[in-house]
Amino acid sequence: MLSIIIVNFKNPPLLRLCLKSLKNSLPADFAHEILVVDVASTIETRNVASEFIGVRLVNFKENVGYTKGVNEGIKASIGDIVFVINPDIIPLKKGIEKMTEYIKTNPDVGLVGPQLLNFDGSIQNSSFSFYGPMTIIYRRTFLGRLPWAKKELNRFLITNSNKTQTSKVDWVMGSALMATKQSINKVGLMDENLFLYMSEVDWAKRFWENGYRVIYFPEAQMYHYHRRGSKGRLDAFDIIKKETRWHIKDAIKFFRKHGIRAKSFC
């Protein structure tokens, strides 16, 4: 059985759209449950969840963060496979079923991420090599336009890979990722010292270290309303943004835990 866990933060319209798309895309005979983990819960969001029969709600009054939201969703789930998504994910037909079948038939795979699409059909970057400290600086400032910076960003974005082929990668975006309970029991839950931005990176590294592969799986396609909330318009000066401060804090914790350059497994 598959447990679909939606981690929502104050976004009733997107949550409603996500739940509708799940109901429309999944066949009636596909064994699954849907849990909405509502962070900083509001009456509007709770009302949305109540519109859909069978959807379970796990709500928190305060903003406990993405990482704890994922962990609490996993703890509350009853499936042997979990699929964690943000409410801005709209799966195309057969996508979830294909991912589920793939992870079932490949027991050495720990994490699987689908191909994420913009609404014009173009492919988003959703699989990556591990960060280095300069990766973050290059992505956030004008320095990213320099030749050596572009080389580092190309490494991080795996620009030399074929985005239409299934491949092993260091990590996949946390907006949509699937794992088995068996592998999670071995690896452990997400590290709640990381509030939001680096938790899926840390998780993927621990999956690799425990003998599991992390896979980018483009046979499953999903639309993603991607908005880089931590990216401001003032480049290096956007540190005043709350989301940017969260990102920087989590990055510092990640590098303290794993070192300046995390070993690539690909």
C-alpha atoms as a PDB file:
ATOM      1  CA  MET A   1       0.000   0.000   0.000  1.00  0.00           C
ATOM      2  CA  LEU A   2       1.149   3.520  -0.811  1.00  0.00           C
ATOM      3  CA  SER A   3       0.866   6.418   1.638  1.00  0.00           C
ATOM      4  CA  ILE A   4       0.787   9.807  -0.104  1.00  0.00           C
ATOM      5  CA  ILE A   5       1.925  12.526   2.307  1.00  0.00           C
ATOM      6  CA  ILE A   6       1.253  16.152   1.363  1.00  0.00           C
ATOM      7  CA  VAL A   7       3.164  18.676   3.473  1.00  0.00           C
ATOM      8  CA  ASN A   8       1.176  21.907   3.266  1.00  0.00           C
ATOM      9  CA  PHE A   9       2.020  25.378   4.540  1.00  0.00           C
ATOM     10  CA  LYS A  10      -0.774  27.970   4.262  1.00  0.00           C
ATOM     11  CA  ASN A  11      -1.755  27.214   0.677  1.00  0.00           C
ATOM     12  CA  PRO A  12      -5.426  26.152   0.449  1.00  0.00           C
ATOM     13  CA  PRO A  13      -5.858  26.752  -3.338  1.00  0.00           C
ATOM     14  CA  LEU A  14      -2.851  24.632  -4.331  1.00  0.00           C
ATOM     15  CA  LEU A  15      -3.780  21.949  -1.799  1.00  0.00           C
ATOM     16  CA  ARG A  16      -7.259  21.683  -3.319  1.00  0.00           C
ATOM     17  CA  LEU A  17      -5.778  21.429  -6.826  1.00  0.00           C
ATOM     18  CA  CYS A  18      -3.290  18.767  -5.683  1.00  0.00           C
ATOM     19  CA  LEU A  19      -5.987  16.666  -3.991  1.00  0.00           C
ATOM     20  CA  LYS A  20      -8.237  16.910  -7.053  1.00  0.00           C
ATOM     21  CA  SER A  21      -5.402  15.821  -9.322  1.00  0.00           C
ATOM     22  CA  LEU A  22      -4.645  12.831  -7.079  1.00  0.00           C
ATOM     23  CA  LYS A  23      -8.276  11.741  -7.097  1.00  0.00           C
ATOM     24  CA  ASN A  24      -8.443  12.108 -10.881  1.00  0.00           C
ATOM     25  CA  SER A  25      -5.141  10.410 -11.683  1.00  0.00           C
ATOM     26  CA  LEU A  26      -5.285   7.363  -9.400  1.00  0.00           C
ATOM     27  CA  PRO A  27      -7.484   4.373 -10.336  1.00  0.00           C
ATOM     28  CA  ALA A  28     -10.029   3.169  -7.782  1.00  0.00           C
ATOM     29  CA  ASP A  29      -8.288  -0.185  -7.398  1.00  0.00           C
ATOM     30  CA  PHE A  30      -4.871   1.321  -6.589  1.00  0.00           C
ATOM     31  CA  ALA A  31      -4.283   0.746  -2.865  1.00  0.00           C
ATOM     32  CA  HIS A  32      -3.357   4.049  -1.245  1.00  0.00           C
ATOM     33  CA  GLU A  33      -4.079   6.540   1.485  1.00  0.00           C
ATOM     34  CA  ILE A  34      -3.689  10.332   1.466  1.00  0.00           C
ATOM     35  CA  LEU A  35      -2.463  12.291   4.476  1.00  0.00           C
ATOM     36  CA  VAL A  36      -2.284  16.081   4.618  1.00  0.00           C
ATOM     37  CA  VAL A  37       0.281  17.337   7.107  1.00  0.00           C
ATOM     38  CA  ASP A  38      -0.855  20.905   7.689  1.00  0.00           C
ATOM     39  CA  VAL A  39       1.938  23.078   9.088  1.00  0.00           C
ATOM     40  CA  ALA A  40       0.815  26.327  10.771  1.00  0.00           C
ATOM     41  CA  SER A  41      -2.704  25.028  10.198  1.00  0.00           C
ATOM     42  CA  THR A  42      -5.572  27.349   9.276  1.00  0.00           C
ATOM     43  CA  ILE A  43      -9.324  26.773   9.141  1.00  0.00           C
ATOM     44  CA  GLU A  44      -9.210  27.336   5.357  1.00  0.00           C
ATOM     45  CA  THR A  45      -6.771  24.470   4.855  1.00  0.00           C
ATOM     46  CA  ARG A  46      -8.632  22.169   7.192  1.00  0.00           C
ATOM     47  CA  ASN A  47     -11.832  22.883   5.280  1.00  0.00           C
ATOM     48  CA  VAL A  48     -10.115  21.957   2.009  1.00  0.00           C
ATOM     49  CA  ALA A  49      -8.948  18.625   3.414  1.00  0.00           C
ATOM     50  CA  SER A  50     -12.473  17.859   4.671  1.00  0.00           C
ATOM     51  CA  GLU A  51     -13.857  18.235   1.120  1.00  0.00           C
ATOM     52  CA  PHE A  52     -12.167  14.975   0.078  1.00  0.00           C
ATOM     53  CA  ILE A  53     -13.495  11.712   1.463  1.00  0.00           C
ATOM     54  CA  GLY A  54     -10.875   9.532   3.119  1.00  0.00           C
ATOM     55  CA  VAL A  55      -8.157  12.187   3.376  1.00  0.00           C
ATOM     56  CA  ARG A  56      -6.537  12.168   6.811  1.00  0.00           C
ATOM     57  CA  LEU A  57      -5.309  15.377   8.417  1.00  0.00           C
ATOM     58  CA  VAL A  58      -2.291  15.798  10.692  1.00  0.00           C
ATOM     59  CA  ASN A  59      -2.177  19.429  11.730  1.00  0.00           C
ATOM     60  CA  PHE A  60       0.171  21.648  13.735  1.00  0.00           C
ATOM     61  CA  LYS A  61      -0.718  25.091  15.070  1.00  0.00           C
ATOM     62  CA  GLU A  62       2.847  26.339  14.690  1.00  0.00           C
ATOM     63  CA  ASN A  63       5.279  26.238  11.772  1.00  0.00           C
ATOM     64  CA  VAL A  64       7.223  23.098  12.670  1.00  0.00           C
ATOM     65  CA  GLY A  65       9.050  23.095   9.324  1.00  0.00           C
ATOM     66  CA  TYR A  66       9.085  20.817   6.294  1.00  0.00           C
ATOM     67  CA  THR A  67      11.369  18.223   7.873  1.00  0.00           C
ATOM     68  CA  LYS A  68       9.281  17.555  10.965  1.00  0.00           C
ATOM     69  CA  GLY A  69       6.156  17.658   8.791  1.00  0.00           C
ATOM     70  CA  VAL A  70       7.537  14.851   6.623  1.00  0.00           C
ATOM     71  CA  ASN A  71       8.570  12.804   9.646  1.00  0.00           C
ATOM     72  CA  GLU A  72       5.197  13.143  11.354  1.00  0.00           C
ATOM     73  CA  GLY A  73       3.470  12.164   8.121  1.00  0.00           C
ATOM     74  CA  ILE A  74       5.613   9.045   7.840  1.00  0.00           C
ATOM     75  CA  LYS A  75       4.912   8.136  11.474  1.00  0.00           C
ATOM     76  CA  ALA A  76       1.156   8.502  10.922  1.00  0.00           C
ATOM     77  CA  SER A  77       1.122   6.550   7.647  1.00  0.00           C
ATOM     78  CA  ILE A  78       0.169   2.892   7.350  1.00  0.00           C
ATOM     79  CA  GLY A  79       1.562   2.073   3.885  1.00  0.00           C
ATOM     80  CA  ASP A  80       4.758   0.139   3.234  1.00  0.00           C
ATOM     81  CA  ILE A  81       5.765   2.805   0.682  1.00  0.00           C
ATOM     82  CA  VAL A  82       5.556   6.571   1.205  1.00  0.00           C
ATOM     83  CA  PHE A  83       5.319   9.280  -1.442  1.00  0.00           C
ATOM     84  CA  VAL A  84       6.060  12.744  -0.014  1.00  0.00           C
ATOM     85  CA  ILE A  85       4.896  15.714  -2.076  1.00  0.00           C
ATOM     86  CA  ASN A  86       4.317  19.427  -1.776  1.00  0.00           C
ATOM     87  CA  PRO A  87       0.829  20.741  -2.625  1.00  0.00           C
ATOM     88  CA  ASP A  88       2.199  22.332  -5.809  1.00  0.00           C
ATOM     89  CA  ILE A  89       2.622  18.890  -7.415  1.00  0.00           C
ATOM     90  CA  ILE A  90       0.138  17.667 -10.041  1.00  0.00           C
ATOM     91  CA  PRO A  91       0.854  14.076 -11.113  1.00  0.00           C
ATOM     92  CA  LEU A  92       0.180  12.974 -14.664  1.00  0.00           C
ATOM     93  CA  LYS A  93      -1.722   9.735 -15.144  1.00  0.00           C
ATOM     94  CA  LYS A  94       0.213   6.539 -14.370  1.00  0.00           C
ATOM     95  CA  GLY A  95       3.104   8.506 -12.859  1.00  0.00           C
ATOM     96  CA  ILE A  96       2.537   7.438  -9.258  1.00  0.00           C
ATOM     97  CA  GLU A  97       1.797   3.841 -10.251  1.00  0.00           C
ATOM     98  CA  LYS A  98       5.008   3.658 -12.317  1.00  0.00           C
ATOM     99  CA  MET A  99       7.116   4.983  -9.441  1.00  0.00           C
ATOM    100  CA  THR A 100       5.502   2.566  -7.010  1.00  0.00           C
ATOM    101  CA  GLU A 101       6.135  -0.417  -9.278  1.00  0.00           C
ATOM    102  CA  TYR A 102       9.736   0.685  -9.865  1.00  0.00           C
ATOM    103  CA  ILE A 103      10.622   0.955  -6.197  1.00  0.00           C
ATOM    104  CA  LYS A 104       8.845  -2.328  -5.420  1.00  0.00           C
ATOM    105  CA  THR A 105      10.863  -4.224  -8.031  1.00  0.00           C
ATOM    106  CA  ASN A 106      14.215  -2.585  -7.192  1.00  0.00           C
ATOM    107  CA  PRO A 107      14.881  -3.252  -3.495  1.00  0.00           C
ATOM    108  CA  ASP A 108      18.308  -1.600  -3.653  1.00  0.00           C
ATOM    109  CA  VAL A 109      16.650   1.735  -4.495  1.00  0.00           C
ATOM    110  CA  GLY A 110      16.053   3.947  -1.466  1.00  0.00           C
ATOM    111  CA  LEU A 111      14.707   7.188  -2.931  1.00  0.00           C
ATOM    112  CA  VAL A 112      12.981   7.863  -6.249  1.00  0.00           C
ATOM    113  CA  GLY A 113      12.093  11.246  -7.717  1.00  0.00           C
ATOM    114  CA  PRO A 114       9.922  11.828 -10.814  1.00  0.00           C
ATOM    115  CA  GLN A 115      10.538  14.147 -13.723  1.00  0.00           C
ATOM    116  CA  LEU A 116       9.106  17.544 -12.793  1.00  0.00           C
ATOM    117  CA  LEU A 117       7.652  19.759 -15.503  1.00  0.00           C
ATOM    118  CA  ASN A 118       6.767  23.405 -15.874  1.00  0.00           C
ATOM    119  CA  PHE A 119       3.239  24.049 -17.074  1.00  0.00           C
ATOM    120  CA  ASP A 120       4.554  24.709 -20.580  1.00  0.00           C
ATOM    121  CA  GLY A 121       5.915  21.158 -20.634  1.00  0.00           C
ATOM    122  CA  SER A 122       9.583  22.084 -20.222  1.00  0.00           C
ATOM    123  CA  ILE A 123      11.681  19.981 -17.829  1.00  0.00           C
ATOM    124  CA  GLN A 124      12.702  21.399 -14.459  1.00  0.00           C
ATOM    125  CA  ASN A 125      15.973  20.646 -12.699  1.00  0.00           C
ATOM    126  CA  SER A 126      14.987  18.202  -9.959  1.00  0.00           C
ATOM    127  CA  SER A 127      18.050  15.935  -9.614  1.00  0.00           C
ATOM    128  CA  PHE A 128      21.456  17.132  -8.510  1.00  0.00           C
ATOM    129  CA  SER A 129      25.003  16.447  -7.376  1.00  0.00           C
ATOM    130  CA  PHE A 130      25.830  17.314  -3.790  1.00  0.00           C
ATOM    131  CA  TYR A 131      26.412  20.945  -2.844  1.00  0.00           C
ATOM    132  CA  GLY A 132      29.759  22.572  -2.220  1.00  0.00           C
ATOM    133  CA  PRO A 133      29.802  25.860  -0.242  1.00  0.00           C
ATOM    134  CA  MET A 134      30.531  27.859  -3.388  1.00  0.00           C
ATOM    135  CA  THR A 135      27.536  26.315  -5.143  1.00  0.00           C
ATOM    136  CA  ILE A 136      25.208  28.266  -2.900  1.00  0.00           C
ATOM    137  CA  ILE A 137      27.156  31.508  -3.332  1.00  0.00           C
ATOM    138  CA  TYR A 138      27.250  31.138  -7.112  1.00  0.00           C
ATOM    139  CA  ARG A 139      23.528  30.421  -7.275  1.00  0.00           C
ATOM    140  CA  ARG A 140      22.665  33.483  -5.206  1.00  0.00           C
ATOM    141  CA  THR A 141      24.984  36.188  -6.462  1.00  0.00           C
ATOM    142  CA  PHE A 142      26.321  37.762  -9.647  1.00  0.00           C
ATOM    143  CA  LEU A 143      29.405  35.548  -9.240  1.00  0.00           C
ATOM    144  CA  GLY A 144      27.387  32.770 -10.857  1.00  0.00           C
ATOM    145  CA  ARG A 145      27.958  34.454 -14.249  1.00  0.00           C
ATOM    146  CA  LEU A 146      31.715  33.881 -14.075  1.00  0.00           C
ATOM    147  CA  PRO A 147      33.213  31.036 -16.182  1.00  0.00           C
ATOM    148  CA  TRP A 148      34.510  28.924 -13.269  1.00  0.00           C
ATOM    149  CA  ALA A 149      31.218  29.453 -11.438  1.00  0.00           C
ATOM    150  CA  LYS A 150      29.282  28.167 -14.444  1.00  0.00           C
ATOM    151  CA  LYS A 151      31.446  25.033 -14.396  1.00  0.00           C
ATOM    152  CA  GLU A 152      30.566  24.413 -10.747  1.00  0.00           C
ATOM    153  CA  LEU A 153      26.860  25.054 -11.392  1.00  0.00           C
ATOM    154  CA  ASN A 154      26.897  22.667 -14.350  1.00  0.00           C
ATOM    155  CA  ARG A 155      28.361  19.993 -12.066  1.00  0.00           C
ATOM    156  CA  PHE A 156      25.687  20.651  -9.449  1.00  0.00           C
ATOM    157  CA  LEU A 157      22.834  20.637 -12.000  1.00  0.00           C
ATOM    158  CA  ILE A 158      24.246  17.578 -13.837  1.00  0.00           C
ATOM    159  CA  THR A 159      23.784  19.408 -17.134  1.00  0.00           C
ATOM    160  CA  ASN A 160      25.643  16.701 -19.062  1.00  0.00           C
ATOM    161  CA  SER A 161      22.985  14.102 -18.225  1.00  0.00           C
ATOM    162  CA  ASN A 162      20.030  13.036 -20.359  1.00  0.00           C
ATOM    163  CA  LYS A 163      16.951  14.213 -18.452  1.00  0.00           C
ATOM    164  CA  THR A 164      14.762  11.719 -20.306  1.00  0.00           C
ATOM    165  CA  GLN A 165      16.631   8.650 -19.019  1.00  0.00           C
ATOM    166  CA  THR A 166      16.412   6.948 -15.640  1.00  0.00           C
ATOM    167  CA  SER A 167      19.669   7.557 -13.782  1.00  0.00           C
ATOM    168  CA  LYS A 168      21.275   7.426 -10.357  1.00  0.00           C
ATOM    169  CA  VAL A 169      21.906  10.862  -8.832  1.00  0.00           C
ATOM    170  CA  ASP A 170      23.218  12.206  -5.553  1.00  0.00           C
ATOM    171  CA  TRP A 171      19.836  13.621  -4.517  1.00  0.00           C
ATOM    172  CA  VAL A 172      16.365  14.464  -5.769  1.00  0.00           C
ATOM    173  CA  MET A 173      14.203  17.456  -4.951  1.00  0.00           C
ATOM    174  CA  GLY A 174      12.029  17.068  -1.874  1.00  0.00           C
ATOM    175  CA  SER A 175       8.962  18.409  -3.685  1.00  0.00           C
ATOM    176  CA  ALA A 176       8.206  14.826  -4.748  1.00  0.00           C
ATOM    177  CA  LEU A 177      10.085  11.771  -3.509  1.00  0.00           C
ATOM    178  CA  MET A 178       9.229   8.153  -2.792  1.00  0.00           C
ATOM    179  CA  ALA A 179      10.775   5.661  -0.363  1.00  0.00           C
ATOM    180  CA  THR A 180       9.955   2.306   1.209  1.00  0.00           C
ATOM    181  CA  LYS A 181       9.292   1.973   4.920  1.00  0.00           C
ATOM    182  CA  GLN A 182      11.831  -0.848   5.002  1.00  0.00           C
ATOM    183  CA  SER A 183      14.616   1.438   3.805  1.00  0.00           C
ATOM    184  CA  ILE A 184      13.495   4.281   6.089  1.00  0.00           C
ATOM    185  CA  ASN A 185      13.624   1.924   9.073  1.00  0.00           C
ATOM    186  CA  LYS A 186      17.292   1.295   8.234  1.00  0.00           C
ATOM    187  CA  VAL A 187      18.305   4.852   7.305  1.00  0.00           C
ATOM    188  CA  GLY A 188      16.148   6.732   9.805  1.00  0.00           C
ATOM    189  CA  LEU A 189      13.775   9.649   9.403  1.00  0.00           C
ATOM    190  CA  MET A 190      14.817  13.072   8.131  1.00  0.00           C
ATOM    191  CA  ASP A 191      17.177  15.033  10.384  1.00  0.00           C
ATOM    192  CA  GLU A 192      15.011  17.554  12.241  1.00  0.00           C
ATOM    193  CA  ASN A 193      18.035  19.725  12.983  1.00  0.00           C
ATOM    194  CA  LEU A 194      17.509  20.813   9.374  1.00  0.00           C
ATOM    195  CA  PHE A 195      14.361  22.928   9.281  1.00  0.00           C
ATOM    196  CA  LEU A 196      13.596  23.049   5.582  1.00  0.00           C
ATOM    197  CA  TYR A 197      16.084  23.383   2.747  1.00  0.00           C
ATOM    198  CA  MET A 198      18.756  20.701   3.145  1.00  0.00           C
ATOM    199  CA  SER A 199      16.810  17.856   4.698  1.00  0.00           C
ATOM    200  CA  GLU A 200      16.277  15.917   1.451  1.00  0.00           C
ATOM    201  CA  VAL A 201      19.973  16.359   0.589  1.00  0.00           C
ATOM    202  CA  ASP A 202      21.048  14.965   3.962  1.00  0.00           C
ATOM    203  CA  TRP A 203      18.493  12.144   3.669  1.00  0.00           C
ATOM    204  CA  ALA A 204      19.734  11.124   0.213  1.00  0.00           C
ATOM    205  CA  LYS A 205      23.329  11.054   1.456  1.00  0.00           C
ATOM    206  CA  ARG A 206      22.339   8.755   4.302  1.00  0.00           C
ATOM    207  CA  PHE A 207      20.468   6.481   1.900  1.00  0.00           C
ATOM    208  CA  TRP A 208      23.637   6.181  -0.218  1.00  0.00           C
ATOM    209  CA  GLU A 209      25.754   5.537   2.892  1.00  0.00           C
ATOM    210  CA  ASN A 210      23.401   2.707   3.874  1.00  0.00           C
ATOM    211  CA  GLY A 211      23.758   0.932   0.544  1.00  0.00           C
ATOM    212  CA  TYR A 212      20.693   2.294  -1.254  1.00  0.00           C
ATOM    213  CA  ARG A 213      20.616   4.055  -4.621  1.00  0.00           C
ATOM    214  CA  VAL A 214      18.881   7.389  -5.273  1.00  0.00           C
ATOM    215  CA  ILE A 215      17.134   7.453  -8.632  1.00  0.00           C
ATOM    216  CA  TYR A 216      15.802  10.111 -10.987  1.00  0.00           C
ATOM    217  CA  PHE A 217      12.871   8.428 -12.751  1.00  0.00           C
ATOM    218  CA  PRO A 218      11.526  10.404 -15.753  1.00  0.00           C
ATOM    219  CA  GLU A 219       9.039   7.692 -16.737  1.00  0.00           C
ATOM    220  CA  ALA A 220       6.887   9.300 -14.049  1.00  0.00           C
ATOM    221  CA  GLN A 221       6.034  12.906 -14.903  1.00  0.00           C
ATOM    222  CA  MET A 222       4.428  15.553 -12.721  1.00  0.00           C
ATOM    223  CA  TYR A 223       3.718  19.242 -13.069  1.00  0.00           C
ATOM    224  CA  HIS A 224       5.364  21.406 -10.433  1.00  0.00           C
ATOM    225  CA  TYR A 225       4.530  24.995  -9.669  1.00  0.00           C
ATOM    226  CA  HIS A 226       8.130  25.737  -8.739  1.00  0.00           C
ATOM    227  CA  ARG A 227       8.897  28.980  -6.947  1.00  0.00           C
ATOM    228  CA  ARG A 228      12.291  29.530  -5.336  1.00  0.00           C
ATOM    229  CA  GLY A 229      11.035  31.090  -2.136  1.00  0.00           C
ATOM    230  CA  SER A 230      14.528  31.664  -0.787  1.00  0.00           C
ATOM    231  CA  LYS A 231      15.703  33.515  -3.886  1.00  0.00           C
ATOM    232  CA  GLY A 232      15.332  37.282  -3.709  1.00  0.00           C
ATOM    233  CA  ARG A 233      15.862  39.991  -6.288  1.00  0.00           C
ATOM    234  CA  LEU A 234      18.844  41.569  -4.584  1.00  0.00           C
ATOM    235  CA  ASP A 235      21.237  38.624  -4.969  1.00  0.00           C
ATOM    236  CA  ALA A 236      23.777  38.825  -2.153  1.00  0.00           C
ATOM    237  CA  PHE A 237      21.596  41.324  -0.280  1.00  0.00           C
ATOM    238  CA  ASP A 238      18.510  39.101  -0.126  1.00  0.00           C
ATOM    239  CA  ILE A 239      19.678  37.768   3.243  1.00  0.00           C
ATOM    240  CA  ILE A 240      16.922  39.868   4.815  1.00  0.00           C
ATOM    241  CA  LYS A 241      14.394  37.343   3.508  1.00  0.00           C
ATOM    242  CA  LYS A 242      13.246  34.843   6.106  1.00  0.00           C
ATOM    243  CA  GLU A 243      13.454  31.939   3.662  1.00  0.00           C
ATOM    244  CA  THR A 244      17.032  32.841   2.742  1.00  0.00           C
ATOM    245  CA  ARG A 245      18.064  32.884   6.387  1.00  0.00           C
ATOM    246  CA  TRP A 246      16.534  29.415   6.830  1.00  0.00           C
ATOM    247  CA  HIS A 247      18.451  28.175   3.783  1.00  0.00           C
ATOM    248  CA  ILE A 248      21.776  29.550   5.000  1.00  0.00           C
ATOM    249  CA  LYS A 249      21.296  28.148   8.518  1.00  0.00           C
ATOM    250  CA  ASP A 250      20.430  24.703   7.166  1.00  0.00           C
ATOM    251  CA  ALA A 251      23.384  24.790   4.754  1.00  0.00           C
ATOM    252  CA  ILE A 252      25.794  25.583   7.606  1.00  0.00           C
ATOM    253  CA  LYS A 253      24.387  22.674   9.621  1.00  0.00           C
ATOM    254  CA  PHE A 254      24.679  20.369   6.602  1.00  0.00           C
ATOM    255  CA  PHE A 255      28.345  21.238   5.963  1.00  0.00           C
ATOM    256  CA  ARG A 256      29.186  20.874   9.651  1.00  0.00           C
ATOM    257  CA  LYS A 257      27.662  17.412   9.585  1.00  0.00           C
ATOM    258  CA  HIS A 258      29.042  16.162   6.265  1.00  0.00           C
ATOM    259  CA  GLY A 259      32.100  18.318   5.603  1.00  0.00           C
ATOM    260  CA  ILE A 260      32.827  21.027   3.050  1.00  0.00           C
ATOM    261  CA  ARG A 261      32.410  18.714   0.061  1.00  0.00           C
ATOM    262  CA  ALA A 262      30.088  15.745   0.400  1.00  0.00           C
ATOM    263  CA  LYS A 263      31.359  12.736  -1.553  1.00  0.00           C
ATOM    264  CA  SER A 264      29.435  12.092  -4.747  1.00  0.00           C
ATOM    265  CA  PHE A 265      28.101   8.569  -5.208  1.00  0.00           C
ATOM    266  CA  CYS A 266      27.529   8.887  -8.964  1.00  0.00           C
END
